[in-house]
Amino acid sequence: MARTRALLTETEREQIAGEQSDKRKYEAVSRARRRVNEELTKDVALLEEHHPDLLAELREVVCDG
């Protein structure tokens, strides 16, 4: 089974970790920030309404760091 991404692609992980240029790092951070502020907000709202158990799992992973 192929792996899928959560928030970051494998390339973005490398870029943010500093394995590529500063420009690429900045771009990867910008893309991730946009996903958090736009797409993740929509996903959370949808899960809250239609699948609260899955939202609870997400919160457990994200918030229990």
PDB file of N, CA and C in Angstrom:
ATOM      1  N   MET A   1       0.841  -1.176   0.000  1.00  0.00           N
ATOM      2  CA  MET A   1       0.000   0.000   0.000  1.00  0.00           C
ATOM      3  C   MET A   1       0.891   1.246   0.000  1.00  0.00           C
ATOM      4  N   ALA A   2       0.605   2.158  -0.868  1.00  0.00           N
ATOM      5  CA  ALA A   2       1.397   3.383  -0.981  1.00  0.00           C
ATOM      6  C   ALA A   2       1.128   4.288   0.219  1.00  0.00           C
ATOM      7  N   ARG A   3       2.170   4.958   0.647  1.00  0.00           N
ATOM      8  CA  ARG A   3       2.019   5.913   1.750  1.00  0.00           C
ATOM      9  C   ARG A   3       1.437   7.206   1.221  1.00  0.00           C
ATOM     10  N   THR A   4       0.629   7.831   2.026  1.00  0.00           N
ATOM     11  CA  THR A   4       0.092   9.138   1.679  1.00  0.00           C
ATOM     12  C   THR A   4       0.650  10.160   2.648  1.00  0.00           C
ATOM     13  N   ARG A   5       0.465  11.407   2.330  1.00  0.00           N
ATOM     14  CA  ARG A   5       0.978  12.444   3.213  1.00  0.00           C
ATOM     15  C   ARG A   5      -0.104  12.890   4.175  1.00  0.00           C
ATOM     16  N   ALA A   6       0.329  13.473   5.237  1.00  0.00           N
ATOM     17  CA  ALA A   6      -0.602  14.111   6.170  1.00  0.00           C
ATOM     18  C   ALA A   6      -0.590  15.594   5.847  1.00  0.00           C
ATOM     19  N   LEU A   7       0.257  16.318   6.482  1.00  0.00           N
ATOM     20  CA  LEU A   7       0.346  17.755   6.254  1.00  0.00           C
ATOM     21  C   LEU A   7       1.438  18.087   5.237  1.00  0.00           C
ATOM     22  N   LEU A   8       2.551  17.394   5.322  1.00  0.00           N
ATOM     23  CA  LEU A   8       3.710  17.687   4.478  1.00  0.00           C
ATOM     24  C   LEU A   8       4.030  16.533   3.542  1.00  0.00           C
ATOM     25  N   THR A   9       4.515  16.874   2.361  1.00  0.00           N
ATOM     26  CA  THR A   9       5.045  15.851   1.467  1.00  0.00           C
ATOM     27  C   THR A   9       6.446  15.492   1.955  1.00  0.00           C
ATOM     28  N   GLU A  10       6.978  14.408   1.442  1.00  0.00           N
ATOM     29  CA  GLU A  10       8.345  14.015   1.819  1.00  0.00           C
ATOM     30  C   GLU A  10       9.341  15.109   1.419  1.00  0.00           C
ATOM     31  N   THR A  11       9.148  15.686   0.250  1.00  0.00           N
ATOM     32  CA  THR A  11      10.031  16.764  -0.213  1.00  0.00           C
ATOM     33  C   THR A  11       9.942  17.974   0.708  1.00  0.00           C
ATOM     34  N   GLU A  12       8.725  18.334   1.112  1.00  0.00           N
ATOM     35  CA  GLU A  12       8.567  19.478   2.016  1.00  0.00           C
ATOM     36  C   GLU A  12       9.219  19.201   3.360  1.00  0.00           C
ATOM     37  N   ARG A  13       9.146  17.976   3.827  1.00  0.00           N
ATOM     38  CA  ARG A  13       9.835  17.618   5.082  1.00  0.00           C
ATOM     39  C   ARG A  13      11.335  17.871   4.944  1.00  0.00           C
ATOM     40  N   GLU A  14      11.892  17.462   3.814  1.00  0.00           N
ATOM     41  CA  GLU A  14      13.324  17.672   3.567  1.00  0.00           C
ATOM     42  C   GLU A  14      13.646  19.166   3.484  1.00  0.00           C
ATOM     43  N   GLN A  15      12.799  19.913   2.803  1.00  0.00           N
ATOM     44  CA  GLN A  15      13.037  21.345   2.651  1.00  0.00           C
ATOM     45  C   GLN A  15      12.983  22.057   3.996  1.00  0.00           C
ATOM     46  N   ILE A  16      11.995  21.755   4.796  1.00  0.00           N
ATOM     47  CA  ILE A  16      11.851  22.404   6.094  1.00  0.00           C
ATOM     48  C   ILE A  16      12.978  21.991   7.038  1.00  0.00           C
ATOM     49  N   ALA A  17      13.460  20.764   6.891  1.00  0.00           N
ATOM     50  CA  ALA A  17      14.568  20.292   7.717  1.00  0.00           C
ATOM     51  C   ALA A  17      15.898  20.908   7.305  1.00  0.00           C
ATOM     52  N   GLY A  18      15.883  21.717   6.243  1.00  0.00           N
ATOM     53  CA  GLY A  18      17.089  22.412   5.829  1.00  0.00           C
ATOM     54  C   GLY A  18      17.963  21.627   4.886  1.00  0.00           C
ATOM     55  N   GLU A  19      17.413  20.590   4.273  1.00  0.00           N
ATOM     56  CA  GLU A  19      18.202  19.774   3.360  1.00  0.00           C
ATOM     57  C   GLU A  19      18.266  20.376   1.962  1.00  0.00           C
ATOM     58  N   GLN A  20      17.603  21.503   1.764  1.00  0.00           N
ATOM     59  CA  GLN A  20      17.641  22.198   0.484  1.00  0.00           C
ATOM     60  C   GLN A  20      17.842  23.690   0.754  1.00  0.00           C
ATOM     61  N   SER A  21      17.716  24.511  -0.258  1.00  0.00           N
ATOM     62  CA  SER A  21      17.990  25.940  -0.131  1.00  0.00           C
ATOM     63  C   SER A  21      17.000  26.630   0.799  1.00  0.00           C
ATOM     64  N   ASP A  22      17.409  27.801   1.293  1.00  0.00           N
ATOM     65  CA  ASP A  22      16.536  28.598   2.153  1.00  0.00           C
ATOM     66  C   ASP A  22      15.263  29.007   1.429  1.00  0.00           C
ATOM     67  N   LYS A  23      15.376  29.265   0.123  1.00  0.00           N
ATOM     68  CA  LYS A  23      14.193  29.639  -0.659  1.00  0.00           C
ATOM     69  C   LYS A  23      13.186  28.495  -0.666  1.00  0.00           C
ATOM     70  N   ARG A  24      13.664  27.286  -0.876  1.00  0.00           N
ATOM     71  CA  ARG A  24      12.777  26.118  -0.887  1.00  0.00           C
ATOM     72  C   ARG A  24      12.155  25.903   0.496  1.00  0.00           C
ATOM     73  N   LYS A  25      12.941  26.130   1.531  1.00  0.00           N
ATOM     74  CA  LYS A  25      12.429  26.003   2.900  1.00  0.00           C
ATOM     75  C   LYS A  25      11.302  27.004   3.129  1.00  0.00           C
ATOM     76  N   TYR A  26      11.508  28.239   2.736  1.00  0.00           N
ATOM     77  CA  TYR A  26      10.494  29.287   2.893  1.00  0.00           C
ATOM     78  C   TYR A  26       9.221  28.919   2.147  1.00  0.00           C
ATOM     79  N   GLU A  27       9.358  28.420   0.930  1.00  0.00           N
ATOM     80  CA  GLU A  27       8.195  28.037   0.125  1.00  0.00           C
ATOM     81  C   GLU A  27       7.437  26.878   0.775  1.00  0.00           C
ATOM     82  N   ALA A  28       8.157  25.903   1.298  1.00  0.00           N
ATOM     83  CA  ALA A  28       7.515  24.750   1.937  1.00  0.00           C
ATOM     84  C   ALA A  28       6.757  25.183   3.193  1.00  0.00           C
ATOM     85  N   VAL A  29       7.352  26.069   3.964  1.00  0.00           N
ATOM     86  CA  VAL A  29       6.688  26.577   5.168  1.00  0.00           C
ATOM     87  C   VAL A  29       5.429  27.336   4.775  1.00  0.00           C
ATOM     88  N   SER A  30       5.511  28.117   3.736  1.00  0.00           N
ATOM     89  CA  SER A  30       4.355  28.880   3.263  1.00  0.00           C
ATOM     90  C   SER A  30       3.216  27.954   2.837  1.00  0.00           C
ATOM     91  N   ARG A  31       3.547  26.894   2.106  1.00  0.00           N
ATOM     92  CA  ARG A  31       2.513  25.934   1.685  1.00  0.00           C
ATOM     93  C   ARG A  31       1.885  25.247   2.892  1.00  0.00           C
ATOM     94  N   ALA A  32       2.693  24.846   3.839  1.00  0.00           N
ATOM     95  CA  ALA A  32       2.175  24.179   5.031  1.00  0.00           C
ATOM     96  C   ALA A  32       1.293  25.123   5.841  1.00  0.00           C
ATOM     97  N   ARG A  33       1.718  26.351   5.975  1.00  0.00           N
ATOM     98  CA  ARG A  33       0.932  27.341   6.721  1.00  0.00           C
ATOM     99  C   ARG A  33      -0.437  27.541   6.065  1.00  0.00           C
ATOM    100  N   ARG A  34      -0.454  27.609   4.751  1.00  0.00           N
ATOM    101  CA  ARG A  34      -1.708  27.777   4.026  1.00  0.00           C
ATOM    102  C   ARG A  34      -2.617  26.571   4.265  1.00  0.00           C
ATOM    103  N   ARG A  35      -2.064  25.376   4.252  1.00  0.00           N
ATOM    104  CA  ARG A  35      -2.873  24.177   4.516  1.00  0.00           C
ATOM    105  C   ARG A  35      -3.459  24.194   5.920  1.00  0.00           C
ATOM    106  N   VAL A  36      -2.656  24.591   6.889  1.00  0.00           N
ATOM    107  CA  VAL A  36      -3.136  24.653   8.277  1.00  0.00           C
ATOM    108  C   VAL A  36      -4.256  25.669   8.408  1.00  0.00           C
ATOM    109  N   ASN A  37      -4.040  26.848   7.865  1.00  0.00           N
ATOM    110  CA  ASN A  37      -5.005  27.939   8.056  1.00  0.00           C
ATOM    111  C   ASN A  37      -6.243  27.832   7.175  1.00  0.00           C
ATOM    112  N   GLU A  38      -6.158  27.153   6.057  1.00  0.00           N
ATOM    113  CA  GLU A  38      -7.295  27.078   5.152  1.00  0.00           C
ATOM    114  C   GLU A  38      -7.894  25.673   5.111  1.00  0.00           C
ATOM    115  N   GLU A  39      -7.133  24.722   4.665  1.00  0.00           N
ATOM    116  CA  GLU A  39      -7.677  23.381   4.437  1.00  0.00           C
ATOM    117  C   GLU A  39      -7.947  22.622   5.728  1.00  0.00           C
ATOM    118  N   LEU A  40      -7.047  22.671   6.668  1.00  0.00           N
ATOM    119  CA  LEU A  40      -7.234  21.935   7.914  1.00  0.00           C
ATOM    120  C   LEU A  40      -8.444  22.461   8.682  1.00  0.00           C
ATOM    121  N   THR A  41      -8.668  23.757   8.627  1.00  0.00           N
ATOM    122  CA  THR A  41      -9.830  24.349   9.282  1.00  0.00           C
ATOM    123  C   THR A  41     -11.121  23.763   8.718  1.00  0.00           C
ATOM    124  N   LYS A  42     -11.178  23.622   7.399  1.00  0.00           N
ATOM    125  CA  LYS A  42     -12.362  23.034   6.754  1.00  0.00           C
ATOM    126  C   LYS A  42     -12.523  21.569   7.151  1.00  0.00           C
ATOM    127  N   ASP A  43     -11.420  20.836   7.188  1.00  0.00           N
ATOM    128  CA  ASP A  43     -11.478  19.421   7.545  1.00  0.00           C
ATOM    129  C   ASP A  43     -11.970  19.230   8.980  1.00  0.00           C
ATOM    130  N   VAL A  44     -11.488  20.047   9.887  1.00  0.00           N
ATOM    131  CA  VAL A  44     -11.901  19.948  11.287  1.00  0.00           C
ATOM    132  C   VAL A  44     -13.397  20.230  11.417  1.00  0.00           C
ATOM    133  N   ALA A  45     -13.879  21.245  10.731  1.00  0.00           N
ATOM    134  CA  ALA A  45     -15.309  21.567  10.779  1.00  0.00           C
ATOM    135  C   ALA A  45     -16.146  20.409  10.244  1.00  0.00           C
ATOM    136  N   LEU A  46     -15.702  19.801   9.156  1.00  0.00           N
ATOM    137  CA  LEU A  46     -16.424  18.674   8.580  1.00  0.00           C
ATOM    138  C   LEU A  46     -16.436  17.487   9.541  1.00  0.00           C
ATOM    139  N   LEU A  47     -15.276  17.177  10.113  1.00  0.00           N
ATOM    140  CA  LEU A  47     -15.207  16.058  11.056  1.00  0.00           C
ATOM    141  C   LEU A  47     -16.044  16.323  12.299  1.00  0.00           C
ATOM    142  N   GLU A  48     -16.042  17.550  12.754  1.00  0.00           N
ATOM    143  CA  GLU A  48     -16.829  17.904  13.938  1.00  0.00           C
ATOM    144  C   GLU A  48     -18.310  17.599  13.711  1.00  0.00           C
ATOM    145  N   GLU A  49     -18.786  17.889  12.525  1.00  0.00           N
ATOM    146  CA  GLU A  49     -20.191  17.674  12.211  1.00  0.00           C
ATOM    147  C   GLU A  49     -20.510  16.218  11.861  1.00  0.00           C
ATOM    148  N   HIS A  50     -19.637  15.579  11.082  1.00  0.00           N
ATOM    149  CA  HIS A  50     -19.982  14.283  10.510  1.00  0.00           C
ATOM    150  C   HIS A  50     -19.261  13.079  11.105  1.00  0.00           C
ATOM    151  N   HIS A  51     -18.154  13.299  11.792  1.00  0.00           N
ATOM    152  CA  HIS A  51     -17.419  12.160  12.361  1.00  0.00           C
ATOM    153  C   HIS A  51     -16.610  12.606  13.577  1.00  0.00           C
ATOM    154  N   PRO A  52     -17.298  12.927  14.673  1.00  0.00           N
ATOM    155  CA  PRO A  52     -16.604  13.430  15.865  1.00  0.00           C
ATOM    156  C   PRO A  52     -15.592  12.451  16.454  1.00  0.00           C
ATOM    157  N   ASP A  53     -15.787  11.145  16.273  1.00  0.00           N
ATOM    158  CA  ASP A  53     -14.804  10.182  16.788  1.00  0.00           C
ATOM    159  C   ASP A  53     -13.462  10.329  16.078  1.00  0.00           C
ATOM    160  N   LEU A  54     -13.513  10.527  14.768  1.00  0.00           N
ATOM    161  CA  LEU A  54     -12.278  10.721  14.009  1.00  0.00           C
ATOM    162  C   LEU A  54     -11.613  12.046  14.387  1.00  0.00           C
ATOM    163  N   LEU A  55     -12.414  13.060  14.630  1.00  0.00           N
ATOM    164  CA  LEU A  55     -11.864  14.343  15.088  1.00  0.00           C
ATOM    165  C   LEU A  55     -11.176  14.169  16.442  1.00  0.00           C
ATOM    166  N   ALA A  56     -11.744  13.376  17.308  1.00  0.00           N
ATOM    167  CA  ALA A  56     -11.124  13.111  18.612  1.00  0.00           C
ATOM    168  C   ALA A  56      -9.769  12.412  18.433  1.00  0.00           C
ATOM    169  N   GLU A  57      -9.688  11.483  17.482  1.00  0.00           N
ATOM    170  CA  GLU A  57      -8.410  10.822  17.196  1.00  0.00           C
ATOM    171  C   GLU A  57      -7.383  11.828  16.702  1.00  0.00           C
ATOM    172  N   LEU A  58      -7.807  12.713  15.818  1.00  0.00           N
ATOM    173  CA  LEU A  58      -6.909  13.747  15.289  1.00  0.00           C
ATOM    174  C   LEU A  58      -6.402  14.617  16.424  1.00  0.00           C
ATOM    175  N   ARG A  59      -7.303  15.068  17.276  1.00  0.00           N
ATOM    176  CA  ARG A  59      -6.906  15.929  18.405  1.00  0.00           C
ATOM    177  C   ARG A  59      -5.945  15.209  19.335  1.00  0.00           C
ATOM    178  N   GLU A  60      -6.165  13.926  19.546  1.00  0.00           N
ATOM    179  CA  GLU A  60      -5.276  13.160  20.411  1.00  0.00           C
ATOM    180  C   GLU A  60      -3.853  13.143  19.851  1.00  0.00           C
ATOM    181  N   VAL A  61      -3.744  12.935  18.562  1.00  0.00           N
ATOM    182  CA  VAL A  61      -2.423  12.896  17.919  1.00  0.00           C
ATOM    183  C   VAL A  61      -1.770  14.279  17.945  1.00  0.00           C
ATOM    184  N   VAL A  62      -2.537  15.306  17.604  1.00  0.00           N
ATOM    185  CA  VAL A  62      -1.980  16.652  17.470  1.00  0.00           C
ATOM    186  C   VAL A  62      -1.733  17.306  18.817  1.00  0.00           C
ATOM    187  N   CYS A  63      -2.617  17.114  19.743  1.00  0.00           N
ATOM    188  CA  CYS A  63      -2.561  17.853  21.002  1.00  0.00           C
ATOM    189  C   CYS A  63      -1.790  17.152  22.106  1.00  0.00           C
ATOM    190  N   ASP A  64      -1.562  15.875  21.997  1.00  0.00           N
ATOM    191  CA  ASP A  64      -0.839  15.145  23.044  1.00  0.00           C
ATOM    192  C   ASP A  64       0.647  15.068  22.750  1.00  0.00           C
ATOM    193  N   GLY A  65       1.219  16.166  22.272  1.00  0.00           N
ATOM    194  CA  GLY A  65       2.643  16.196  21.956  1.00  0.00           C
ATOM    195  C   GLY A  65       3.390  16.613  23.138  1.00  0.00           C
TER     196      GLY A  65
END
